[in-house]
Protein backbone atom coordinates (compact mmCIF):
# COMPACT_ATOMS: atom_id res chain seq x y z
CA UNK A 1 0.40 0.09 -0.11
CA UNK A 2 1.16 3.76 -1.09
CA UNK A 3 2.48 5.86 1.84
CA UNK A 4 0.04 7.77 4.06
CA UNK A 5 0.42 11.68 2.32
CA UNK A 6 -1.16 14.48 4.62
CA UNK A 7 -1.63 16.56 2.00
CA UNK A 8 -3.79 13.72 0.02
CA UNK A 9 -5.55 12.93 3.22
CA UNK A 10 -6.58 16.72 2.80
CA UNK A 11 -7.64 16.85 -0.49
CA UNK A 12 -10.15 13.98 -0.25
CA UNK A 13 -11.38 15.50 3.04
CA UNK A 14 -11.57 18.93 0.85
CA UNK A 15 -13.58 17.26 -2.00
CA UNK A 16 -15.67 15.91 0.27
CA UNK A 17 -16.15 19.14 2.80
CA UNK A 18 -14.20 22.21 0.96
CA UNK A 19 -16.43 24.90 2.65
CA UNK A 20 -15.65 23.71 5.96
CA UNK A 21 -12.50 25.48 7.27
CA UNK A 22 -12.51 24.79 10.64
CA UNK A 23 -12.58 21.15 10.41
CA UNK A 24 -9.75 21.13 7.21
CA UNK A 25 -7.75 23.59 9.90
CA UNK A 26 -8.21 20.99 12.28
CA UNK A 27 -7.97 18.01 10.35
CA UNK A 28 -4.49 19.36 8.66
CA UNK A 29 -2.63 19.64 11.41
CA UNK A 30 -3.12 16.43 13.16
CA UNK A 31 -1.92 14.42 9.90
CA UNK A 32 0.49 16.35 9.50
CA UNK A 33 2.07 15.29 12.89
CA UNK A 34 1.02 11.85 12.30
CA UNK A 35 2.53 11.67 9.11
CA UNK A 36 5.86 8.91 9.85
CA UNK A 37 3.78 7.44 12.98
CA UNK A 38 0.85 6.44 10.37
CA UNK A 39 3.37 5.44 7.56
CA UNK A 40 5.95 3.31 10.59
CA UNK A 41 2.36 1.49 11.46
CA UNK A 42 1.23 -0.77 8.27
CA UNK A 43 -1.63 -1.60 10.58
CA UNK A 44 -2.65 1.94 11.27
CA UNK A 45 -1.78 2.61 7.82
CA UNK A 46 -3.36 -0.20 6.18
CA UNK A 47 -6.69 0.02 8.31
CA UNK A 48 -7.33 3.86 7.09
CA UNK A 49 -7.60 5.27 11.15
CA UNK A 50 -7.11 8.07 10.15
CA UNK A 51 -9.48 8.84 7.92
CA UNK A 52 -12.13 6.86 9.82
CA UNK A 53 -11.51 9.15 12.88
CA UNK A 54 -11.78 11.62 10.29
CA UNK A 55 -15.72 11.52 9.30
CA UNK A 56 -18.08 11.21 12.20
CA UNK A 57 -19.86 8.11 12.82
CA UNK A 58 -23.01 10.31 12.50
CA UNK A 59 -24.54 13.88 12.29
CA UNK A 60 -27.55 14.77 13.23
CA UNK A 61 -29.42 17.82 12.70
CA UNK A 62 -32.69 18.95 13.61
CA UNK A 63 -35.16 22.17 13.49
CA UNK A 64 -36.10 23.93 16.53
CA UNK A 65 -39.17 25.60 16.90
CA UNK A 66 -39.96 27.36 20.31
CA UNK A 67 -42.16 31.19 21.56
CA UNK A 68 -40.44 33.77 22.57
CA UNK A 69 -42.15 36.53 24.77
CA UNK A 70 -43.96 38.65 22.24
CA UNK A 71 -45.81 34.77 21.31
CA UNK A 72 -43.78 35.39 17.84
CA UNK A 73 -42.64 31.50 16.58
CA UNK A 74 -38.56 31.52 16.41
CA UNK A 75 -36.70 29.15 14.11
CA UNK A 76 -33.12 27.61 15.18
CA UNK A 77 -30.76 24.70 13.70
CA UNK A 78 -29.63 22.46 15.56
CA UNK A 79 -26.76 19.35 15.35
CA UNK A 80 -25.44 16.54 17.19
CA UNK A 81 -22.01 15.27 15.95
CA UNK A 82 -21.19 12.12 17.01
CA UNK A 83 -17.68 11.48 16.24
CA UNK A 84 -16.56 8.53 17.41
CA UNK A 85 -17.30 5.91 20.30
CA UNK A 86 -14.00 3.58 20.32
CA UNK A 87 -13.20 4.83 23.42
CA UNK A 88 -16.85 5.01 25.11
CA UNK A 89 -20.08 6.68 24.74
CA UNK A 90 -19.50 10.04 22.88
CA UNK A 91 -18.56 12.88 25.13
CA UNK A 92 -18.55 16.82 24.39
CA UNK A 93 -20.14 19.90 24.89
CA UNK A 94 -23.44 21.65 23.58
CA UNK A 95 -22.95 25.34 22.24
CA UNK A 96 -25.48 28.13 21.25
CA UNK A 97 -23.99 30.91 19.29
CA UNK A 98 -24.91 32.21 16.13
CA UNK A 99 -21.77 31.79 14.71
CA UNK A 100 -22.13 27.59 15.35
CA UNK A 101 -22.46 25.61 12.05
CA UNK A 102 -21.30 22.32 10.80
CA UNK A 103 -18.08 23.04 10.45
CA UNK A 104 -17.10 24.51 13.86
CA UNK A 105 -19.20 21.71 15.36
CA UNK A 106 -16.95 18.92 12.74
CA UNK A 107 -13.61 20.55 14.02
CA UNK A 108 -14.98 20.21 18.02
CA UNK A 109 -16.05 16.70 18.00
CA UNK A 110 -12.76 15.71 15.82
CA UNK A 111 -10.34 17.64 18.22
CA UNK A 112 -12.97 16.32 21.01
CA UNK A 113 -11.87 12.84 20.23
CA UNK A 114 -8.01 13.23 20.51
CA UNK A 115 -8.38 15.27 24.22
CA UNK A 116 -10.36 12.91 25.54
CA UNK A 117 -8.19 9.56 24.67
CA UNK A 118 -5.67 11.70 26.38
CA UNK A 119 -7.26 11.63 30.00
CA UNK A 120 -7.27 7.93 29.94
CA UNK A 121 -10.99 7.70 30.71
CA UNK A 122 -13.34 5.81 28.71
CA UNK A 123 -15.01 8.45 26.67
CA UNK A 124 -14.91 8.96 23.39
CA UNK A 125 -16.03 11.92 21.36
CA UNK A 126 -19.06 14.07 20.16
CA UNK A 127 -19.80 17.74 19.93
CA UNK A 128 -23.35 19.67 19.32
CA UNK A 129 -25.11 22.84 19.47
CA UNK A 130 -27.88 25.43 18.05
CA UNK A 131 -27.58 28.78 16.17
CA UNK A 132 -29.31 30.10 18.53
CA UNK A 133 -28.28 33.26 20.54
CA UNK A 134 -29.22 33.91 24.31
CA UNK A 135 -27.40 36.71 24.74
CA UNK A 136 -30.78 39.87 25.16
CA UNK A 137 -33.32 36.62 25.70
CA UNK A 138 -35.07 36.31 29.18
CA UNK A 139 -34.75 33.29 31.46
CA UNK A 140 -37.99 32.00 30.03
CA UNK A 141 -37.00 32.37 26.46
CA UNK A 142 -33.80 30.58 27.11
CA UNK A 143 -36.30 27.65 29.23
CA UNK A 144 -38.12 27.13 26.56
CA UNK A 145 -35.08 27.08 23.59
CA UNK A 146 -33.71 24.42 25.61
CA UNK A 147 -37.04 22.37 26.44
CA UNK A 148 -37.46 22.90 22.56
CA UNK A 149 -33.99 21.79 21.74
CA UNK A 150 -34.07 18.58 23.80
CA UNK A 151 -37.02 17.51 22.43
CA UNK A 152 -35.27 16.88 19.42
CA UNK A 153 -31.97 15.83 21.03
CA UNK A 154 -33.16 13.09 23.41
CA UNK A 155 -33.59 10.34 21.12
CA UNK A 156 -29.99 10.12 20.40
CA UNK A 157 -28.44 10.32 23.97
CA UNK A 158 -28.10 8.88 27.23
CA UNK A 159 -25.72 7.37 29.39
CA UNK A 160 -24.19 4.98 27.95
CA UNK A 161 -24.54 6.23 24.28
CA UNK A 162 -24.01 9.75 24.42
CA UNK A 163 -23.31 12.46 26.78
CA UNK A 164 -23.26 16.21 26.60
CA UNK A 165 -22.08 18.94 28.39
CA UNK A 166 -21.68 22.41 28.00
CA UNK A 167 -19.61 25.00 26.22
CA UNK A 168 -20.00 28.35 24.98
CA UNK A 169 -23.56 30.05 26.32
CA UNK A 170 -24.52 26.59 28.00
CA UNK A 171 -23.68 26.43 31.45
CA UNK A 172 -25.06 25.25 34.80
CA UNK A 173 -28.41 26.77 34.33
CA UNK A 174 -29.03 25.73 30.77
CA UNK A 175 -27.67 22.28 31.65
CA UNK A 176 -30.33 22.63 34.30
CA UNK A 177 -33.31 23.24 31.73
CA UNK A 178 -31.72 20.43 29.12
CA UNK A 179 -31.76 17.83 32.07
CA UNK A 180 -35.28 19.02 33.80
CA UNK A 181 -36.70 18.35 30.45
CA UNK A 182 -34.71 15.18 29.49
CA UNK A 183 -35.81 13.73 32.98
CA UNK A 184 -39.42 14.89 32.40
CA UNK A 185 -39.83 12.56 28.32
CA UNK A 186 -38.09 9.83 30.08
CA UNK A 187 -39.25 9.57 33.77
CA UNK A 188 -35.90 8.44 34.89
CA UNK A 189 -32.83 10.23 36.80
CA UNK A 190 -30.01 9.94 35.63
CA UNK A 191 -26.64 10.61 34.00
CA UNK A 192 -27.65 11.90 30.88
CA UNK A 193 -25.48 15.38 30.82
CA UNK A 194 -22.31 16.63 33.19
CA UNK A 195 -22.22 20.23 34.32
CA UNK A 196 -25.03 19.59 36.82
CA UNK A 197 -26.05 21.93 39.67
CA UNK A 198 -24.30 19.88 42.46
CA UNK A 199 -28.00 19.17 44.09
CA UNK A 200 -29.10 16.83 41.64
CA UNK A 201 -26.23 14.98 40.25
CA UNK A 202 -22.79 17.88 39.41
CA UNK A 203 -19.37 17.15 39.97
CA UNK A 204 -17.21 19.89 42.47
CA UNK A 205 -14.89 21.57 40.85
CA UNK A 206 -16.47 20.81 36.92
CA UNK A 207 -17.15 24.52 37.31
CA UNK A 208 -13.91 25.52 37.24
CA UNK A 209 -11.98 22.36 35.75
CA UNK A 210 -10.95 23.76 32.56
CA UNK A 211 -9.74 26.82 33.92
CA UNK A 212 -7.91 25.43 36.86
CA UNK A 213 -6.61 22.35 34.67
CA UNK A 214 -5.04 24.83 32.34
CA UNK A 215 -2.85 26.29 34.86
CA UNK A 216 -2.14 22.88 36.07
CA UNK A 217 -0.76 21.73 32.62
CA UNK A 218 1.39 25.28 32.83
CA UNK A 219 2.90 24.17 36.21
CA UNK A 220 4.30 20.96 34.77
CA UNK A 221 5.36 22.83 31.49
CA UNK A 222 7.42 25.41 33.30
CA UNK A 223 8.78 22.27 35.64
CA UNK A 224 9.69 20.43 32.63
CA UNK A 225 12.23 23.90 31.60
CA UNK A 226 13.27 24.77 35.35
CA UNK A 227 10.73 27.88 35.08
CA UNK A 228 8.45 29.00 38.27
CA UNK A 229 5.22 30.44 37.76
CA UNK A 230 5.38 32.98 40.47
CA UNK A 231 5.66 36.31 39.21
CA UNK A 232 5.28 36.06 35.57
CA UNK A 233 3.29 38.06 33.94
CA UNK A 234 0.41 36.11 31.84
CA UNK A 235 -1.70 37.77 28.59
CA UNK A 236 -5.46 36.07 29.00
CA UNK A 237 -7.96 36.10 26.39
CA UNK A 238 -11.81 35.69 27.12
CA UNK A 239 -13.60 36.41 30.10
CA UNK A 240 -16.26 33.13 30.44
CA UNK A 241 -16.21 30.20 32.61
CA UNK A 242 -12.58 29.12 31.43
CA UNK A 243 -10.78 32.53 31.22
CA UNK A 244 -11.88 33.80 34.77
CA UNK A 245 -10.77 30.20 36.18
CA UNK A 246 -7.63 29.98 34.67
CA UNK A 247 -7.09 33.50 35.86
CA UNK A 248 -8.28 32.79 39.55
CA UNK A 249 -6.05 30.16 39.41
CA UNK A 250 -2.94 32.10 38.30
CA UNK A 251 -3.52 34.69 40.50
CA UNK A 252 -3.33 31.86 43.80
CA UNK A 253 -0.37 30.67 42.20
CA UNK A 254 1.30 34.13 42.48
CA UNK A 255 1.27 34.72 38.78
CA UNK A 256 0.11 38.56 37.09
CA UNK A 257 -2.76 38.58 34.96
CA UNK A 258 -2.31 42.00 33.17
CA UNK A 259 -5.34 41.27 30.61
CA UNK A 260 -9.02 39.66 30.07
CA UNK A 261 -11.19 40.35 26.96
CA UNK A 262 -13.86 39.99 24.94
CA UNK A 263 -15.92 40.88 21.53
CA UNK A 264 -15.45 44.67 21.82
CA UNK A 265 -11.83 45.32 23.32
CA UNK A 266 -9.35 44.43 26.25
CA UNK A 267 -8.87 45.05 29.76
CA UNK A 268 -5.41 45.89 30.58
CA UNK A 269 -3.75 45.78 33.95
CA UNK A 270 -0.20 46.57 34.13
CA UNK A 271 0.11 45.58 37.87
CA UNK A 272 -1.97 42.39 37.33
CA UNK A 273 -5.33 41.71 38.67
CA UNK A 274 -5.93 40.92 42.47
CA UNK A 275 -8.33 38.32 43.76
CA UNK A 276 -10.12 40.77 45.20
CA UNK A 277 -10.79 42.31 41.82
CA UNK A 278 -11.46 39.33 40.17
CA UNK A 279 -14.25 38.88 42.27
CA UNK A 280 -15.58 42.34 41.58
CA UNK A 281 -15.59 40.52 37.96
CA UNK A 282 -17.49 37.97 39.00
CA UNK A 283 -19.90 39.46 41.04
CA UNK A 284 -20.68 41.81 38.51
CA UNK A 285 -20.59 39.65 35.20
CA UNK A 286 -24.56 40.81 34.82
CA UNK A 287 -22.99 44.32 33.38
CA UNK A 288 -23.33 44.23 29.71
CA UNK A 289 -19.27 45.42 29.46
CA UNK A 290 -18.11 44.26 32.56
CA UNK A 291 -14.52 44.85 31.39
CA UNK A 292 -15.30 48.29 30.27
CA UNK A 293 -16.90 48.76 33.70
CA UNK A 294 -14.45 48.13 35.61
CA UNK A 295 -11.44 50.15 33.70
CA UNK A 296 -13.98 52.38 34.75
CA UNK A 297 -14.50 52.44 38.12
CA UNK A 298 -10.73 51.29 38.48
CA UNK A 299 -8.06 53.68 38.17
CA UNK A 300 -4.76 50.66 37.64
CA UNK A 301 -7.10 49.40 34.75
CA UNK A 302 -7.42 50.45 31.32
CA UNK A 303 -9.91 49.44 28.17
CA UNK A 304 -8.54 49.27 25.43
CA UNK A 305 -11.60 49.09 22.71
CA UNK A 306 -11.69 47.08 19.43
CA UNK A 307 -8.08 45.92 20.38
CA UNK A 308 -6.70 42.27 21.31
CA UNK A 309 -3.87 41.35 24.13
CA UNK A 310 -1.69 40.41 22.41
CA UNK A 311 0.20 43.20 22.22
CA UNK A 312 0.49 43.71 25.48
CA UNK A 313 4.45 42.81 27.19
CA UNK A 314 4.01 39.24 28.55
CA UNK A 315 6.04 36.04 29.53
CA UNK A 316 2.87 33.35 29.03
CA UNK A 317 -0.16 34.38 26.76
CA UNK A 318 -3.05 32.51 27.59
CA UNK A 319 -5.83 32.33 24.73
CA UNK A 320 -9.34 31.74 26.53
CA UNK A 321 -11.87 33.07 24.32
CA UNK A 322 -12.87 30.76 20.78
CA UNK A 323 -11.26 29.68 17.48
CA UNK A 324 -8.71 31.18 15.30
CA UNK A 325 -8.54 33.91 17.63
CA UNK A 326 -4.52 34.67 17.90
CA UNK A 327 -3.26 34.74 14.34
CA UNK A 328 -0.10 35.89 12.59
CA UNK A 329 0.46 38.90 13.24
CA UNK A 330 -0.55 38.56 17.06
CA UNK A 331 1.89 35.57 17.34
CA UNK A 332 5.16 38.44 15.57
CA UNK A 333 3.57 40.76 18.67
CA UNK A 334 4.29 38.09 21.25
CA UNK A 335 7.02 36.93 20.33
CA UNK A 336 8.76 40.46 19.50
CA UNK A 337 7.51 41.43 23.11
CA UNK A 338 9.36 38.64 25.21
CA UNK A 339 6.71 35.98 25.07
CA UNK A 340 7.97 32.51 25.98
CA UNK A 341 5.37 30.14 26.19
CA UNK A 342 1.50 30.43 24.70
CA UNK A 343 -1.39 27.81 26.33
CA UNK A 344 -4.50 27.46 24.26
CA UNK A 345 -7.02 27.44 26.66
CA UNK A 346 -9.78 27.77 24.17
CA UNK A 347 -10.02 25.16 21.06
CA UNK A 348 -7.59 25.66 18.32
CA UNK A 349 -7.57 29.92 19.27
CA UNK A 350 -4.14 29.81 17.38
CA UNK A 351 -4.57 29.94 13.10
CA UNK A 352 -2.02 28.01 11.58
CA UNK A 353 0.08 30.29 11.02
CA UNK A 354 0.74 31.79 13.87
CA UNK A 355 1.94 28.48 15.73
CA UNK A 356 4.69 28.49 12.78
CA UNK A 357 5.53 31.93 13.81
CA UNK A 358 5.81 30.63 17.82
CA UNK A 359 8.11 27.53 16.43
CA UNK A 360 10.44 29.81 14.34
CA UNK A 361 11.44 32.29 17.63
CA UNK A 362 11.77 29.40 20.32
CA UNK A 363 8.38 29.99 22.17
CA UNK A 364 6.88 27.19 23.36
CA UNK A 365 3.34 26.39 22.23
CA UNK A 366 0.90 23.77 23.56
CA UNK A 367 -2.17 23.17 21.95
CA UNK A 368 -5.79 22.47 23.54
CA UNK A 369 -6.68 19.47 23.32
CA UNK A 370 -3.85 18.38 25.94
CA UNK A 371 -4.39 21.64 27.92
CA UNK A 372 -7.76 22.53 28.19
CA UNK A 373 -8.46 18.66 28.83
CA UNK A 374 -9.45 19.45 32.53
CA UNK A 375 -12.97 19.71 31.80
CA UNK A 376 -14.02 16.62 30.15
CA UNK A 377 -11.90 14.91 32.46
CA UNK A 378 -14.04 16.08 35.05
CA UNK A 379 -17.13 15.66 33.67
CA UNK A 380 -15.81 11.75 33.02
CA UNK A 381 -15.52 11.91 36.83
CA UNK A 382 -18.74 13.31 36.94
CA UNK A 383 -19.63 10.31 34.59
CA UNK A 384 -18.68 8.27 37.59
CA UNK A 385 -20.05 9.56 40.36
CA UNK A 386 -23.53 9.48 38.37
CA UNK A 387 -23.37 5.61 37.45
CA UNK A 388 -22.14 4.61 41.34
CA UNK A 389 -25.13 7.32 43.14
CA UNK A 390 -21.91 9.22 44.97
CA UNK A 391 -20.56 12.34 45.55
CA UNK A 392 -16.63 12.68 45.53
CA UNK A 393 -15.62 16.03 47.43
CA UNK A 394 -13.84 18.94 46.03
CA UNK A 395 -10.17 18.24 47.72
CA UNK A 396 -10.77 14.90 46.11
CA UNK A 397 -11.63 15.66 42.82
CA UNK A 398 -9.39 18.89 42.67
CA UNK A 399 -6.29 16.26 43.32
CA UNK A 400 -7.40 13.76 40.82
CA UNK A 401 -7.85 16.39 38.31
CA UNK A 402 -4.12 17.34 38.78
CA UNK A 403 -3.42 13.63 38.17
CA UNK A 404 -4.57 14.15 35.00
CA UNK A 405 -3.79 16.90 33.56
CA UNK A 406 -0.01 15.98 35.03
CA UNK A 407 -0.62 12.12 33.32
CA UNK A 408 -1.11 13.97 30.10
CA UNK A 409 1.78 16.02 29.97
CA UNK A 410 3.94 13.36 30.72
CA UNK A 411 1.86 11.97 27.46
CA UNK A 412 3.14 14.53 25.53
CA UNK A 413 6.58 14.67 26.40
CA UNK A 414 7.07 11.26 25.85
CA UNK A 415 5.26 11.28 22.41
CA UNK A 416 6.67 14.68 21.30
CA UNK A 417 10.55 14.84 21.66
CA UNK A 418 12.32 15.35 18.82
CA UNK A 419 15.71 14.15 18.11
CA UNK A 420 17.17 17.60 19.26
CA UNK A 421 15.47 16.77 22.60
CA UNK A 422 13.04 19.33 22.74
CA UNK A 423 9.28 18.91 23.20
CA UNK A 424 6.92 19.58 20.78
CA UNK A 425 3.48 19.67 22.58
CA UNK A 426 1.46 19.27 19.71
CA UNK A 427 2.72 16.38 17.89
CA UNK A 428 3.38 14.64 22.01
CA UNK A 429 -0.50 15.64 22.13
CA UNK A 430 -1.67 14.12 18.75
CA UNK A 431 0.69 11.04 18.61
CA UNK A 432 -0.42 10.11 22.32
CA UNK A 433 -4.03 10.00 21.59
CA UNK A 434 -3.90 8.77 18.05
CA UNK A 435 -2.12 5.70 19.75
CA UNK A 436 -4.76 5.34 21.73
CA UNK A 437 -7.79 5.71 19.12
CA UNK A 438 -5.89 3.68 16.64
CA UNK A 439 -5.61 0.81 19.00
CA UNK A 440 -8.73 0.70 20.05
CA UNK A 441 -10.44 0.84 16.07
CA UNK A 442 -8.14 -1.65 15.21
CA UNK A 443 -9.04 -4.16 18.11
CA UNK A 444 -12.74 -3.71 16.98
CA UNK A 445 -12.33 -4.19 13.94
CA UNK A 446 -14.00 -2.37 10.24
């Protein structure tokens, strides 16, 4: 059989899915990292493992019809991409955002398979969501939308089939509405979704898990490079759940958070946010633009309208907002301003050209499939608690999260070590995850 060639693989995908740019970007990055690994293994190559992983097991799409507060009928579109259950039930979040489309969800589901494989937990990969925008909607409208969404989704999920979680704009409130509707439909109480409220089957640490996990992974990276996190300046994008809890844990560990951002601009804090100031941001998160409001009320801060945070001087950059938010120009700014490490809190927030700039300038780059796996790791632990009708304490779960992030780091080091001794974390993450996925697919037959 001929050699596996990433360019041929990507062209094969492009002919079938040429309009799905985010998905093709993710697939190409993985293929480049896996070329030698696949060609060195006749079993992986002949069984066309990567080609099989790149095509979802199924994509479910559906119409969502609901009534707003003005008694107007609204129509949205929803999806669930069930990518691969080779390692366990499909597992991945639900995203409600007007930019949601099939390409975005396929890229997220594809990445989720690799991320979930790195945790060593028995979970497959999937992703879902809808083009619904909850901003400006009342709680009753959000509830009615979630109930209508679940009326369609419930046919395709279950604790041993597919266990969704939250993602952008799907937090504990939305999960509660979704779970309540599922429970009414099925007349059962079980672990059908994760990210639930702690009082009805949720898990401690789940809210904090992704952000905390980013910092736990970062500490392992810095330790490997004989660097200490204390006093390091971190530029951080985003102001949601991941960014907030990454900032909290970093501040606790002595780092200096000099920025947060949203779609309207960047909050710059030269001296670094304090724990009290971060608490202020959490307490006023219902404001239309809490970051701008903070700058207006605190002399230590500046609001940079319509700007990203990547022009600020830092030691570490942590993009925690959304895909492709950090481009080639941003990467050059970071490299020229002394940034030595970039760790992804979001899914694929750095463009391919940005990653190449980091490599050229010796900036250590950590991909989100490794560094932001803490959320799905604790989701997996929540599934375990639900299955056993038990609840574990915060300290125990936080310790398990730290252990999982260290294990993922160690895998990246093992599989990502180059001949010159340096570590390519993206290479390591992709190879380690693929090794587990491919072994399972081969064992289970065609």
